[in-house]
Amino acid sequence: MANRHAQFISRTILVRNGNVDEAARLLNRILGREGIFDQYRRTRYYEKPFQQRRRINYEKCKAIYNEDMGRKIQFIMRKNRVDPFPGCH
């Protein structure tokens, strides 16, 4: 039982000035960013093997697409590019 809850040990949110709503929002943001909510939603019901394969393949394709898009955006955002249209500005 203890190993199932080990992932929550290091998540401590301090409540400042009695503002519990802000602390709850911060905790939800942290848990959402780390994928804890997605993992909980996935394990709430049984996922058939074909659904699991489909989800994993989709996540792989999405990660590859995001990496490629990030690389393209970084390429466009470079500052040391040669001006393609010199003298037009």
PDB file of N, CA and C in Angstrom:
ATOM      1  N   MET A   1       0.819  -1.191   0.000  1.00  0.00           N
ATOM      2  CA  MET A   1       0.000   0.000   0.000  1.00  0.00           C
ATOM      3  C   MET A   1       0.864   1.255   0.000  1.00  0.00           C
ATOM      4  N   ALA A   2       1.960   1.231   0.721  1.00  0.00           N
ATOM      5  CA  ALA A   2       2.796   2.421   0.824  1.00  0.00           C
ATOM      6  C   ALA A   2       3.443   2.758  -0.517  1.00  0.00           C
ATOM      7  N   ASN A   3       3.809   1.736  -1.302  1.00  0.00           N
ATOM      8  CA  ASN A   3       4.466   2.034  -2.571  1.00  0.00           C
ATOM      9  C   ASN A   3       3.505   2.641  -3.582  1.00  0.00           C
ATOM     10  N   ARG A   4       2.201   2.423  -3.425  1.00  0.00           N
ATOM     11  CA  ARG A   4       1.238   3.029  -4.335  1.00  0.00           C
ATOM     12  C   ARG A   4       1.141   4.527  -4.104  1.00  0.00           C
ATOM     13  N   HIS A   5       1.422   4.983  -2.884  1.00  0.00           N
ATOM     14  CA  HIS A   5       1.303   6.402  -2.567  1.00  0.00           C
ATOM     15  C   HIS A   5       2.662   7.092  -2.494  1.00  0.00           C
ATOM     16  N   ALA A   6       3.730   6.409  -2.863  1.00  0.00           N
ATOM     17  CA  ALA A   6       5.068   6.993  -2.771  1.00  0.00           C
ATOM     18  C   ALA A   6       5.223   8.184  -3.700  1.00  0.00           C
ATOM     19  N   GLN A   7       4.460   8.233  -4.795  1.00  0.00           N
ATOM     20  CA  GLN A   7       4.619   9.332  -5.735  1.00  0.00           C
ATOM     21  C   GLN A   7       4.106  10.657  -5.174  1.00  0.00           C
ATOM     22  N   PHE A   8       3.317  10.630  -4.106  1.00  0.00           N
ATOM     23  CA  PHE A   8       2.764  11.852  -3.549  1.00  0.00           C
ATOM     24  C   PHE A   8       3.591  12.399  -2.387  1.00  0.00           C
ATOM     25  N   ILE A   9       4.668  11.746  -2.009  1.00  0.00           N
ATOM     26  CA  ILE A   9       5.427  12.161  -0.830  1.00  0.00           C
ATOM     27  C   ILE A   9       6.059  13.533  -1.026  1.00  0.00           C
ATOM     28  N   SER A  10       6.629  13.800  -2.189  1.00  0.00           N
ATOM     29  CA  SER A  10       7.394  15.025  -2.379  1.00  0.00           C
ATOM     30  C   SER A  10       6.537  16.204  -2.810  1.00  0.00           C
ATOM     31  N   ARG A  11       5.231  16.060  -2.878  1.00  0.00           N
ATOM     32  CA  ARG A  11       4.384  17.164  -3.308  1.00  0.00           C
ATOM     33  C   ARG A  11       3.763  17.839  -2.086  1.00  0.00           C
ATOM     34  N   THR A  12       4.416  18.872  -1.615  1.00  0.00           N
ATOM     35  CA  THR A  12       3.937  19.611  -0.468  1.00  0.00           C
ATOM     36  C   THR A  12       3.703  21.053  -0.899  1.00  0.00           C
ATOM     37  N   ILE A  13       2.496  21.537  -0.686  1.00  0.00           N
ATOM     38  CA  ILE A  13       2.132  22.894  -1.056  1.00  0.00           C
ATOM     39  C   ILE A  13       1.888  23.671   0.232  1.00  0.00           C
ATOM     40  N   LEU A  14       2.523  24.809   0.346  1.00  0.00           N
ATOM     41  CA  LEU A  14       2.345  25.644   1.523  1.00  0.00           C
ATOM     42  C   LEU A  14       1.153  26.575   1.311  1.00  0.00           C
ATOM     43  N   VAL A  15       0.299  26.681   2.328  1.00  0.00           N
ATOM     44  CA  VAL A  15      -0.843  27.591   2.286  1.00  0.00           C
ATOM     45  C   VAL A  15      -0.388  28.910   2.893  1.00  0.00           C
ATOM     46  N   ARG A  16      -0.409  29.967   2.089  1.00  0.00           N
ATOM     47  CA  ARG A  16       0.041  31.268   2.573  1.00  0.00           C
ATOM     48  C   ARG A  16      -1.160  32.153   2.876  1.00  0.00           C
ATOM     49  N   ASN A  17      -1.134  32.794   3.998  1.00  0.00           N
ATOM     50  CA  ASN A  17      -2.174  33.735   4.437  1.00  0.00           C
ATOM     51  C   ASN A  17      -3.554  33.094   4.457  1.00  0.00           C
ATOM     52  N   GLY A  18      -3.616  31.800   4.716  1.00  0.00           N
ATOM     53  CA  GLY A  18      -4.900  31.118   4.785  1.00  0.00           C
ATOM     54  C   GLY A  18      -5.609  30.990   3.440  1.00  0.00           C
ATOM     55  N   ASN A  19      -4.886  31.162   2.340  1.00  0.00           N
ATOM     56  CA  ASN A  19      -5.476  31.124   1.004  1.00  0.00           C
ATOM     57  C   ASN A  19      -5.445  29.681   0.490  1.00  0.00           C
ATOM     58  N   VAL A  20      -6.451  28.902   0.872  1.00  0.00           N
ATOM     59  CA  VAL A  20      -6.493  27.483   0.522  1.00  0.00           C
ATOM     60  C   VAL A  20      -6.820  27.292  -0.954  1.00  0.00           C
ATOM     61  N   ASP A  21      -7.658  28.173  -1.519  1.00  0.00           N
ATOM     62  CA  ASP A  21      -8.030  28.040  -2.931  1.00  0.00           C
ATOM     63  C   ASP A  21      -6.812  28.169  -3.842  1.00  0.00           C
ATOM     64  N   GLU A  22      -5.943  29.128  -3.552  1.00  0.00           N
ATOM     65  CA  GLU A  22      -4.738  29.312  -4.361  1.00  0.00           C
ATOM     66  C   GLU A  22      -3.819  28.094  -4.246  1.00  0.00           C
ATOM     67  N   ALA A  23      -3.691  27.550  -3.038  1.00  0.00           N
ATOM     68  CA  ALA A  23      -2.854  26.365  -2.843  1.00  0.00           C
ATOM     69  C   ALA A  23      -3.440  25.163  -3.588  1.00  0.00           C
ATOM     70  N   ALA A  24      -4.765  25.012  -3.584  1.00  0.00           N
ATOM     71  CA  ALA A  24      -5.406  23.906  -4.303  1.00  0.00           C
ATOM     72  C   ALA A  24      -5.193  24.053  -5.805  1.00  0.00           C
ATOM     73  N   ARG A  25      -5.294  25.286  -6.319  1.00  0.00           N
ATOM     74  CA  ARG A  25      -5.049  25.504  -7.750  1.00  0.00           C
ATOM     75  C   ARG A  25      -3.618  25.163  -8.122  1.00  0.00           C
ATOM     76  N   LEU A  26      -2.679  25.544  -7.263  1.00  0.00           N
ATOM     77  CA  LEU A  26      -1.273  25.242  -7.517  1.00  0.00           C
ATOM     78  C   LEU A  26      -1.028  23.736  -7.507  1.00  0.00           C
ATOM     79  N   LEU A  27      -1.626  23.043  -6.543  1.00  0.00           N
ATOM     80  CA  LEU A  27      -1.477  21.588  -6.479  1.00  0.00           C
ATOM     81  C   LEU A  27      -2.083  20.929  -7.718  1.00  0.00           C
ATOM     82  N   ASN A  28      -3.271  21.375  -8.140  1.00  0.00           N
ATOM     83  CA  ASN A  28      -3.896  20.821  -9.338  1.00  0.00           C
ATOM     84  C   ASN A  28      -3.038  21.070 -10.574  1.00  0.00           C
ATOM     85  N   ARG A  29      -2.420  22.243 -10.658  1.00  0.00           N
ATOM     86  CA  ARG A  29      -1.561  22.550 -11.800  1.00  0.00           C
ATOM     87  C   ARG A  29      -0.343  21.633 -11.821  1.00  0.00           C
ATOM     88  N   ILE A  30       0.262  21.411 -10.658  1.00  0.00           N
ATOM     89  CA  ILE A  30       1.442  20.542 -10.580  1.00  0.00           C
ATOM     90  C   ILE A  30       1.072  19.106 -10.945  1.00  0.00           C
ATOM     91  N   LEU A  31      -0.021  18.607 -10.373  1.00  0.00           N
ATOM     92  CA  LEU A  31      -0.431  17.229 -10.651  1.00  0.00           C
ATOM     93  C   LEU A  31      -0.845  17.060 -12.115  1.00  0.00           C
ATOM     94  N   GLY A  32      -1.480  18.057 -12.676  1.00  0.00           N
ATOM     95  CA  GLY A  32      -1.868  17.986 -14.084  1.00  0.00           C
ATOM     96  C   GLY A  32      -0.663  18.003 -15.007  1.00  0.00           C
ATOM     97  N   ARG A  33       0.331  18.827 -14.690  1.00  0.00           N
ATOM     98  CA  ARG A  33       1.525  18.919 -15.521  1.00  0.00           C
ATOM     99  C   ARG A  33       2.326  17.619 -15.488  1.00  0.00           C
ATOM    100  N   GLU A  34       2.329  16.942 -14.345  1.00  0.00           N
ATOM    101  CA  GLU A  34       3.097  15.707 -14.220  1.00  0.00           C
ATOM    102  C   GLU A  34       2.329  14.485 -14.707  1.00  0.00           C
ATOM    103  N   GLY A  35       1.077  14.662 -15.118  1.00  0.00           N
ATOM    104  CA  GLY A  35       0.318  13.555 -15.694  1.00  0.00           C
ATOM    105  C   GLY A  35      -0.345  12.642 -14.680  1.00  0.00           C
ATOM    106  N   ILE A  36      -0.445  13.078 -13.437  1.00  0.00           N
ATOM    107  CA  ILE A  36      -1.061  12.236 -12.412  1.00  0.00           C
ATOM    108  C   ILE A  36      -2.553  12.077 -12.682  1.00  0.00           C
ATOM    109  N   PHE A  37      -3.219  13.167 -13.082  1.00  0.00           N
ATOM    110  CA  PHE A  37      -4.656  13.088 -13.360  1.00  0.00           C
ATOM    111  C   PHE A  37      -4.933  12.185 -14.552  1.00  0.00           C
ATOM    112  N   ASP A  38      -4.109  12.285 -15.594  1.00  0.00           N
ATOM    113  CA  ASP A  38      -4.296  11.416 -16.764  1.00  0.00           C
ATOM    114  C   ASP A  38      -4.123   9.951 -16.384  1.00  0.00           C
ATOM    115  N   GLN A  39      -3.110   9.680 -15.562  1.00  0.00           N
ATOM    116  CA  GLN A  39      -2.880   8.312 -15.118  1.00  0.00           C
ATOM    117  C   GLN A  39      -4.064   7.810 -14.292  1.00  0.00           C
ATOM    118  N   TYR A  40      -4.602   8.672 -13.451  1.00  0.00           N
ATOM    119  CA  TYR A  40      -5.756   8.275 -12.636  1.00  0.00           C
ATOM    120  C   TYR A  40      -6.968   7.988 -13.521  1.00  0.00           C
ATOM    121  N   ARG A  41      -7.207   8.847 -14.512  1.00  0.00           N
ATOM    122  CA  ARG A  41      -8.364   8.640 -15.388  1.00  0.00           C
ATOM    123  C   ARG A  41      -8.211   7.360 -16.211  1.00  0.00           C
ATOM    124  N   ARG A  42      -6.975   7.049 -16.602  1.00  0.00           N
ATOM    125  CA  ARG A  42      -6.747   5.832 -17.380  1.00  0.00           C
ATOM    126  C   ARG A  42      -6.962   4.578 -16.546  1.00  0.00           C
ATOM    127  N   THR A  43      -6.558   4.612 -15.295  1.00  0.00           N
ATOM    128  CA  THR A  43      -6.644   3.407 -14.465  1.00  0.00           C
ATOM    129  C   THR A  43      -7.975   3.292 -13.741  1.00  0.00           C
ATOM    130  N   ARG A  44      -8.852   4.268 -13.907  1.00  0.00           N
ATOM    131  CA  ARG A  44     -10.155   4.194 -13.251  1.00  0.00           C
ATOM    132  C   ARG A  44     -10.990   3.069 -13.851  1.00  0.00           C
ATOM    133  N   TYR A  45     -10.894   2.870 -15.148  1.00  0.00           N
ATOM    134  CA  TYR A  45     -11.612   1.803 -15.836  1.00  0.00           C
ATOM    135  C   TYR A  45     -10.602   0.944 -16.580  1.00  0.00           C
ATOM    136  N   TYR A  46     -11.012  -0.270 -16.910  1.00  0.00           N
ATOM    137  CA  TYR A  46     -10.146  -1.179 -17.651  1.00  0.00           C
ATOM    138  C   TYR A  46      -9.994  -0.660 -19.075  1.00  0.00           C
ATOM    139  N   GLU A  47      -8.763  -0.667 -19.544  1.00  0.00           N
ATOM    140  CA  GLU A  47      -8.480  -0.255 -20.908  1.00  0.00           C
ATOM    141  C   GLU A  47      -8.145  -1.493 -21.721  1.00  0.00           C
ATOM    142  N   LYS A  48      -8.918  -1.737 -22.751  1.00  0.00           N
ATOM    143  CA  LYS A  48      -8.684  -2.922 -23.567  1.00  0.00           C
ATOM    144  C   LYS A  48      -7.328  -2.811 -24.245  1.00  0.00           C
ATOM    145  N   PRO A  49      -6.696  -3.948 -24.543  1.00  0.00           N
ATOM    146  CA  PRO A  49      -5.355  -3.905 -25.139  1.00  0.00           C
ATOM    147  C   PRO A  49      -5.290  -3.124 -26.453  1.00  0.00           C
ATOM    148  N   PHE A  50      -6.321  -3.238 -27.301  1.00  0.00           N
ATOM    149  CA  PHE A  50      -6.255  -2.501 -28.562  1.00  0.00           C
ATOM    150  C   PHE A  50      -6.378  -0.991 -28.306  1.00  0.00           C
ATOM    151  N   GLN A  51      -7.149  -0.600 -27.273  1.00  0.00           N
ATOM    152  CA  GLN A  51      -7.254   0.813 -26.933  1.00  0.00           C
ATOM    153  C   GLN A  51      -5.934   1.334 -26.370  1.00  0.00           C
ATOM    154  N   GLN A  52      -5.279   0.480 -25.595  1.00  0.00           N
ATOM    155  CA  GLN A  52      -3.989   0.864 -25.030  1.00  0.00           C
ATOM    156  C   GLN A  52      -2.946   1.042 -26.133  1.00  0.00           C
ATOM    157  N   ARG A  53      -2.923   0.094 -27.093  1.00  0.00           N
ATOM    158  CA  ARG A  53      -1.984   0.221 -28.218  1.00  0.00           C
ATOM    159  C   ARG A  53      -2.280   1.477 -29.023  1.00  0.00           C
ATOM    160  N   ARG A  54      -3.557   1.748 -29.258  1.00  0.00           N
ATOM    161  CA  ARG A  54      -3.936   2.931 -30.032  1.00  0.00           C
ATOM    162  C   ARG A  54      -3.512   4.205 -29.306  1.00  0.00           C
ATOM    163  N   ARG A  55      -3.729   4.248 -27.991  1.00  0.00           N
ATOM    164  CA  ARG A  55      -3.354   5.429 -27.214  1.00  0.00           C
ATOM    165  C   ARG A  55      -1.845   5.634 -27.212  1.00  0.00           C
ATOM    166  N   ILE A  56      -1.095   4.551 -27.026  1.00  0.00           N
ATOM    167  CA  ILE A  56       0.364   4.663 -26.980  1.00  0.00           C
ATOM    168  C   ILE A  56       0.906   5.100 -28.332  1.00  0.00           C
ATOM    169  N   ASN A  57       0.369   4.538 -29.422  1.00  0.00           N
ATOM    170  CA  ASN A  57       0.809   4.953 -30.756  1.00  0.00           C
ATOM    171  C   ASN A  57       0.479   6.420 -31.003  1.00  0.00           C
ATOM    172  N   TYR A  58      -0.702   6.859 -30.566  1.00  0.00           N
ATOM    173  CA  TYR A  58      -1.087   8.256 -30.723  1.00  0.00           C
ATOM    174  C   TYR A  58      -0.135   9.157 -29.947  1.00  0.00           C
ATOM    175  N   GLU A  59       0.204   8.759 -28.707  1.00  0.00           N
ATOM    176  CA  GLU A  59       1.109   9.572 -27.891  1.00  0.00           C
ATOM    177  C   GLU A  59       2.499   9.642 -28.520  1.00  0.00           C
ATOM    178  N   LYS A  60       2.958   8.522 -29.108  1.00  0.00           N
ATOM    179  CA  LYS A  60       4.262   8.540 -29.783  1.00  0.00           C
ATOM    180  C   LYS A  60       4.243   9.485 -30.973  1.00  0.00           C
ATOM    181  N   CYS A  61       3.181   9.384 -31.792  1.00  0.00           N
ATOM    182  CA  CYS A  61       3.082  10.251 -32.968  1.00  0.00           C
ATOM    183  C   CYS A  61       2.994  11.715 -32.555  1.00  0.00           C
ATOM    184  N   LYS A  62       2.255  11.987 -31.495  1.00  0.00           N
ATOM    185  CA  LYS A  62       2.111  13.359 -31.021  1.00  0.00           C
ATOM    186  C   LYS A  62       3.450  13.899 -30.521  1.00  0.00           C
ATOM    187  N   ALA A  63       4.215  13.069 -29.811  1.00  0.00           N
ATOM    188  CA  ALA A  63       5.520  13.500 -29.309  1.00  0.00           C
ATOM    189  C   ALA A  63       6.476  13.788 -30.463  1.00  0.00           C
ATOM    190  N   ILE A  64       6.461  12.928 -31.492  1.00  0.00           N
ATOM    191  CA  ILE A  64       7.326  13.144 -32.657  1.00  0.00           C
ATOM    192  C   ILE A  64       6.927  14.432 -33.372  1.00  0.00           C
ATOM    193  N   TYR A  65       5.611  14.639 -33.536  1.00  0.00           N
ATOM    194  CA  TYR A  65       5.124  15.847 -34.207  1.00  0.00           C
ATOM    195  C   TYR A  65       5.522  17.093 -33.422  1.00  0.00           C
ATOM    196  N   ASN A  66       5.331  17.058 -32.095  1.00  0.00           N
ATOM    197  CA  ASN A  66       5.665  18.221 -31.272  1.00  0.00           C
ATOM    198  C   ASN A  66       7.153  18.520 -31.302  1.00  0.00           C
ATOM    199  N   GLU A  67       7.978  17.470 -31.296  1.00  0.00           N
ATOM    200  CA  GLU A  67       9.420  17.671 -31.357  1.00  0.00           C
ATOM    201  C   GLU A  67       9.821  18.287 -32.688  1.00  0.00           C
ATOM    202  N   ASP A  68       9.248  17.781 -33.775  1.00  0.00           N
ATOM    203  CA  ASP A  68       9.554  18.297 -35.104  1.00  0.00           C
ATOM    204  C   ASP A  68       9.086  19.752 -35.230  1.00  0.00           C
ATOM    205  N   MET A  69       7.888  20.037 -34.737  1.00  0.00           N
ATOM    206  CA  MET A  69       7.360  21.392 -34.814  1.00  0.00           C
ATOM    207  C   MET A  69       8.210  22.340 -33.972  1.00  0.00           C
ATOM    208  N   GLY A  70       8.645  21.890 -32.798  1.00  0.00           N
ATOM    209  CA  GLY A  70       9.509  22.718 -31.971  1.00  0.00           C
ATOM    210  C   GLY A  70      10.832  23.014 -32.652  1.00  0.00           C
ATOM    211  N   ARG A  71      11.380  22.005 -33.338  1.00  0.00           N
ATOM    212  CA  ARG A  71      12.626  22.210 -34.071  1.00  0.00           C
ATOM    213  C   ARG A  71      12.430  23.227 -35.198  1.00  0.00           C
ATOM    214  N   LYS A  72      11.300  23.135 -35.908  1.00  0.00           N
ATOM    215  CA  LYS A  72      11.028  24.080 -36.995  1.00  0.00           C
ATOM    216  C   LYS A  72      10.839  25.497 -36.457  1.00  0.00           C
ATOM    217  N   ILE A  73      10.150  25.617 -35.321  1.00  0.00           N
ATOM    218  CA  ILE A  73       9.939  26.936 -34.736  1.00  0.00           C
ATOM    219  C   ILE A  73      11.266  27.532 -34.285  1.00  0.00           C
ATOM    220  N   GLN A  74      12.114  26.721 -33.667  1.00  0.00           N
ATOM    221  CA  GLN A  74      13.425  27.213 -33.257  1.00  0.00           C
ATOM    222  C   GLN A  74      14.254  27.639 -34.456  1.00  0.00           C
ATOM    223  N   PHE A  75      14.132  26.922 -35.573  1.00  0.00           N
ATOM    224  CA  PHE A  75      14.864  27.277 -36.785  1.00  0.00           C
ATOM    225  C   PHE A  75      14.403  28.633 -37.309  1.00  0.00           C
ATOM    226  N   ILE A  76      13.098  28.857 -37.294  1.00  0.00           N
ATOM    227  CA  ILE A  76      12.558  30.118 -37.794  1.00  0.00           C
ATOM    228  C   ILE A  76      12.900  31.267 -36.855  1.00  0.00           C
ATOM    229  N   MET A  77      12.964  31.002 -35.562  1.00  0.00           N
ATOM    230  CA  MET A  77      13.197  32.056 -34.579  1.00  0.00           C
ATOM    231  C   MET A  77      14.677  32.432 -34.439  1.00  0.00           C
ATOM    232  N   ARG A  78      15.559  31.749 -35.162  1.00  0.00           N
ATOM    233  CA  ARG A  78      16.980  32.067 -35.046  1.00  0.00           C
ATOM    234  C   ARG A  78      17.243  33.519 -35.425  1.00  0.00           C
ATOM    235  N   LYS A  79      18.223  34.116 -34.792  1.00  0.00           N
ATOM    236  CA  LYS A  79      18.548  35.525 -35.052  1.00  0.00           C
ATOM    237  C   LYS A  79      19.622  35.679 -36.125  1.00  0.00           C
ATOM    238  N   ASN A  80      20.440  34.655 -36.359  1.00  0.00           N
ATOM    239  CA  ASN A  80      21.569  34.799 -37.272  1.00  0.00           C
ATOM    240  C   ASN A  80      21.246  34.289 -38.677  1.00  0.00           C
ATOM    241  N   ARG A  81      19.963  34.356 -39.067  1.00  0.00           N
ATOM    242  CA  ARG A  81      19.594  33.932 -40.419  1.00  0.00           C
ATOM    243  C   ARG A  81      20.047  34.963 -41.435  1.00  0.00           C
ATOM    244  N   VAL A  82      20.315  34.499 -42.628  1.00  0.00           N
ATOM    245  CA  VAL A  82      20.626  35.397 -43.730  1.00  0.00           C
ATOM    246  C   VAL A  82      19.302  35.979 -44.220  1.00  0.00           C
ATOM    247  N   ASP A  83      19.281  37.290 -44.466  1.00  0.00           N
ATOM    248  CA  ASP A  83      18.064  37.933 -44.921  1.00  0.00           C
ATOM    249  C   ASP A  83      17.727  37.446 -46.329  1.00  0.00           C
ATOM    250  N   PRO A  84      16.545  36.808 -46.531  1.00  0.00           N
ATOM    251  CA  PRO A  84      16.237  36.278 -47.860  1.00  0.00           C
ATOM    252  C   PRO A  84      15.936  37.363 -48.890  1.00  0.00           C
ATOM    253  N   PHE A  85      15.552  38.554 -48.428  1.00  0.00           N
ATOM    254  CA  PHE A  85      15.235  39.644 -49.335  1.00  0.00           C
ATOM    255  C   PHE A  85      16.048  40.896 -48.940  1.00  0.00           C
ATOM    256  N   PRO A  86      17.344  40.913 -49.277  1.00  0.00           N
ATOM    257  CA  PRO A  86      18.175  42.071 -48.853  1.00  0.00           C
ATOM    258  C   PRO A  86      17.734  43.351 -49.552  1.00  0.00           C
ATOM    259  N   GLY A  87      17.718  44.435 -48.798  1.00  0.00           N
ATOM    260  CA  GLY A  87      17.390  45.733 -49.351  1.00  0.00           C
ATOM    261  C   GLY A  87      15.922  46.018 -49.510  1.00  0.00           C
ATOM    262  N   CYS A  88      15.048  45.146 -49.039  1.00  0.00           N
ATOM    263  CA  CYS A  88      13.599  45.354 -49.203  1.00  0.00           C
ATOM    264  C   CYS A  88      12.965  46.025 -47.997  1.00  0.00           C
ATOM    265  N   HIS A  89      13.702  46.218 -46.931  1.00  0.00           N
ATOM    266  CA  HIS A  89      13.067  46.732 -45.710  1.00  0.00           C
ATOM    267  C   HIS A  89      13.207  48.195 -45.607  1.00  0.00           C
TER     268      HIS A  89
END
